[in-house]
Amino acid sequence: MIHCVDTHAEGEPSRIIVGGVLDVPGTTMLEKARRLEREGDWLRRLCLFEPRGSAPLSADLVLPVSVIAGSGSGPERSYPIPMADSVNIDRKAQVILVRYANRMYAFALACPHEHAAVKWLAKDHRFQCTKHDSQYTPDGKYTSGKATRNLDRFPVRKEGSAVIVTMDRVFQSDQNASAWNEAGIDV
């Protein structure tokens, strides 16, 4: 069963596929998009032209979390900037990279409450602590649970088509709110 959410913004209808579809093969969002164009157009047609479809309707697919590995040594790691909103995890470096609403962030993989791992819940469009269920928005803001602050952010900068994450510094929202707020880039 394919799960969709119908939405509209300024009168433009869209259908977002949030579940029931396997991950699309490819290492980047661009590769995944091209693969869907070549081999998955049936899915687009199904969503756009089923009985409740309409001519101006667009369809979007929310893909699962991608596991990535940054390059570089020392205190900086480099990652390609995703083509669309996404959540990417570098388990070795313990970093979550998020592209959300035309911004890019790098978070510590650990919840600030007791340092348990946080996971991305795509169906709920949020992060959640695996130990005490603290919840966070895609941009790392705390919303509920036992934690007392936002997810910790690493400083980031853009170099060409890559985001550089500085791993030897981390900003905590309750100790340095201005640095935490600035630890993101426009993409």
Protein backbone atom coordinates (compact mmCIF):
# COMPACT_ATOMS: atom_id res chain seq x y z
CA MET A 1 0.00 0.00 0.00
CA ILE A 2 1.33 3.44 -0.94
CA HIS A 3 0.73 6.20 1.64
CA CYS A 4 0.28 9.76 0.37
CA VAL A 5 -0.50 13.17 1.82
CA ASP A 6 -2.31 15.67 -0.40
CA THR A 7 -1.34 19.29 0.14
CA HIS A 8 -1.45 22.64 -1.61
CA ALA A 9 0.54 25.84 -1.39
CA GLU A 10 -0.82 29.06 -2.88
CA GLY A 11 -3.38 27.06 -4.82
CA GLU A 12 -0.87 24.59 -6.31
CA PRO A 13 -1.86 21.01 -5.39
CA SER A 14 0.73 18.34 -4.68
CA ARG A 15 0.76 14.74 -3.51
CA ILE A 16 3.62 13.63 -1.27
CA ILE A 17 4.42 9.92 -1.09
CA VAL A 18 5.44 9.29 2.52
CA GLY A 19 5.46 5.50 2.70
CA GLY A 20 4.94 2.18 1.02
CA VAL A 21 7.70 2.65 -1.56
CA LEU A 22 11.14 1.06 -1.30
CA ASP A 23 14.26 3.20 -1.45
CA VAL A 24 15.35 4.15 -4.96
CA PRO A 25 18.81 2.85 -5.93
CA GLY A 26 21.49 5.53 -6.30
CA THR A 27 24.12 7.24 -4.19
CA THR A 28 22.92 10.83 -4.70
CA MET A 29 19.48 12.41 -4.92
CA LEU A 30 20.20 13.29 -8.57
CA GLU A 31 20.97 9.63 -9.38
CA LYS A 32 17.78 8.56 -7.61
CA ALA A 33 15.70 11.17 -9.49
CA ARG A 34 17.11 10.05 -12.85
CA ARG A 35 16.47 6.40 -12.01
CA LEU A 36 12.85 7.24 -11.18
CA GLU A 37 12.50 9.12 -14.48
CA ARG A 38 13.83 6.08 -16.40
CA GLU A 39 12.25 3.20 -14.51
CA GLY A 40 9.62 4.52 -12.11
CA ASP A 41 7.35 6.73 -14.17
CA TRP A 42 4.53 4.29 -13.41
CA LEU A 43 4.59 5.58 -9.82
CA ARG A 44 4.25 9.21 -10.93
CA ARG A 45 1.39 8.33 -13.29
CA LEU A 46 -0.34 6.29 -10.58
CA CYS A 47 -0.26 9.20 -8.15
CA LEU A 48 -1.16 11.91 -10.63
CA PHE A 49 -3.88 10.22 -12.65
CA GLU A 50 -5.73 8.01 -10.19
CA PRO A 51 -9.41 8.97 -9.70
CA ARG A 52 -8.62 12.00 -7.52
CA GLY A 53 -5.74 13.27 -9.68
CA SER A 54 -5.81 16.54 -11.60
CA ALA A 55 -3.83 18.17 -14.41
CA PRO A 56 -1.83 20.67 -12.30
CA LEU A 57 -1.05 18.13 -9.55
CA SER A 58 2.61 17.40 -8.79
CA ALA A 59 3.98 14.35 -6.97
CA ASP A 60 6.91 14.21 -4.55
CA LEU A 61 8.54 11.20 -2.94
CA VAL A 62 10.00 11.27 0.59
CA LEU A 63 12.90 8.83 0.56
CA PRO A 64 14.37 7.02 3.55
CA VAL A 65 17.47 8.19 5.34
CA SER A 66 20.70 7.75 3.39
CA VAL A 67 23.89 6.50 4.99
CA ILE A 68 26.91 8.46 3.74
CA ALA A 69 30.61 8.83 4.43
CA GLY A 70 32.38 12.15 4.37
CA SER A 71 35.84 12.67 2.99
CA GLY A 72 38.78 14.37 4.60
CA SER A 73 40.91 13.91 7.64
CA GLY A 74 41.53 15.94 10.71
CA PRO A 75 38.86 18.22 12.10
CA GLU A 76 36.98 18.78 8.80
CA ARG A 77 34.80 16.45 6.73
CA SER A 78 33.41 17.20 3.29
CA TYR A 79 30.03 16.02 1.98
CA PRO A 80 28.22 16.65 -1.32
CA ILE A 81 25.28 19.01 -0.93
CA PRO A 82 22.07 17.02 -1.53
CA MET A 83 19.90 18.11 -4.46
CA ALA A 84 16.72 18.15 -2.36
CA ASP A 85 15.51 18.04 1.24
CA SER A 86 16.97 14.94 2.87
CA VAL A 87 18.46 13.37 5.98
CA ASN A 88 21.90 11.76 5.63
CA ILE A 89 23.86 10.01 8.36
CA ASP A 90 27.61 9.47 8.60
CA ARG A 91 27.70 6.83 11.34
CA LYS A 92 31.50 6.69 11.49
CA ALA A 93 31.77 10.45 12.12
CA GLN A 94 28.55 10.49 14.23
CA VAL A 95 27.05 13.30 12.11
CA ILE A 96 23.57 13.88 10.75
CA LEU A 97 23.44 16.12 7.67
CA VAL A 98 20.08 17.68 6.92
CA ARG A 99 18.97 19.72 3.96
CA TYR A 100 15.66 21.33 4.94
CA ALA A 101 13.84 24.40 3.60
CA ASN A 102 16.82 25.60 1.54
CA ARG A 103 19.20 25.35 4.53
CA MET A 104 21.89 22.80 5.38
CA TYR A 105 22.73 21.70 8.94
CA ALA A 106 25.09 19.22 10.59
CA PHE A 107 23.99 17.72 13.92
CA ALA A 108 25.63 15.44 16.44
CA LEU A 109 24.04 11.99 16.15
CA ALA A 110 23.58 11.88 19.94
CA CYS A 111 20.59 13.27 21.81
CA PRO A 112 21.73 16.03 24.20
CA HIS A 113 19.78 14.45 27.10
CA GLU A 114 21.78 11.24 27.72
CA HIS A 115 23.67 10.90 24.43
CA ALA A 116 21.59 8.07 22.97
CA ALA A 117 21.34 8.05 19.17
CA VAL A 118 18.57 9.99 17.51
CA LYS A 119 16.71 8.54 14.54
CA TRP A 120 14.77 10.13 11.70
CA LEU A 121 11.06 9.25 11.57
CA ALA A 122 10.16 10.04 7.96
CA LYS A 123 6.43 9.42 8.42
CA ASP A 124 6.36 12.00 11.25
CA HIS A 125 8.95 14.30 9.63
CA ARG A 126 11.00 14.59 12.81
CA PHE A 127 13.94 13.22 14.80
CA GLN A 128 13.40 11.18 17.95
CA CYS A 129 15.74 9.98 20.69
CA THR A 130 15.99 6.19 20.80
CA LYS A 131 16.14 6.13 24.61
CA HIS A 132 13.64 8.64 26.07
CA ASP A 133 11.70 9.72 22.95
CA SER A 134 12.70 13.40 22.94
CA GLN A 135 11.53 14.90 19.65
CA TYR A 136 13.12 17.45 17.30
CA THR A 137 12.12 19.25 14.11
CA PRO A 138 14.15 18.70 10.90
CA ASP A 139 16.24 21.78 11.72
CA GLY A 140 17.10 20.35 15.15
CA LYS A 141 14.74 22.31 17.40
CA TYR A 142 13.53 20.51 20.53
CA THR A 143 9.76 20.02 20.69
CA SER A 144 9.08 17.49 23.49
CA GLY A 145 10.55 14.84 25.76
CA LYS A 146 13.20 14.73 28.50
CA ALA A 147 15.88 16.72 26.66
CA THR A 148 16.23 20.37 27.64
CA ARG A 149 17.78 21.83 24.48
CA ASN A 150 17.97 21.53 20.72
CA LEU A 151 20.19 19.01 18.91
CA ASP A 152 23.84 20.06 19.01
CA ARG A 153 25.06 21.62 15.73
CA PHE A 154 28.47 21.55 14.11
CA PRO A 155 29.67 24.64 12.23
CA VAL A 156 29.33 24.29 8.44
CA ARG A 157 30.45 26.21 5.37
CA LYS A 158 29.87 25.84 1.65
CA GLU A 159 32.73 25.18 -0.78
CA GLY A 160 31.48 24.76 -4.34
CA SER A 161 29.04 21.84 -4.37
CA ALA A 162 30.16 20.55 -0.97
CA VAL A 163 29.39 21.33 2.64
CA ILE A 164 32.36 21.30 5.01
CA VAL A 165 31.64 20.25 8.60
CA THR A 166 34.05 21.32 11.34
CA MET A 167 34.07 18.35 13.70
CA ASP A 168 36.16 19.73 16.57
CA ARG A 169 33.58 22.37 17.57
CA VAL A 170 29.95 21.91 18.51
CA PHE A 171 27.33 24.49 19.41
CA GLN A 172 24.77 23.87 22.14
CA SER A 173 21.66 26.02 21.89
CA ASP A 174 21.46 26.68 25.64
CA GLN A 175 25.12 27.79 25.95
CA ASN A 176 25.67 29.72 22.70
CA ALA A 177 22.34 30.43 21.06
CA SER A 178 23.68 32.88 18.45
CA ALA A 179 26.38 30.44 17.22
CA TRP A 180 23.81 27.61 17.19
CA ASN A 181 21.43 29.74 15.09
CA GLU A 182 24.22 30.66 12.66
CA ALA A 183 25.43 27.04 12.25
CA GLY A 184 23.69 26.48 8.93
CA ILE A 185 24.10 27.56 5.32
CA ASP A 186 21.74 28.54 2.54
CA VAL A 187 21.66 26.05 -0.33
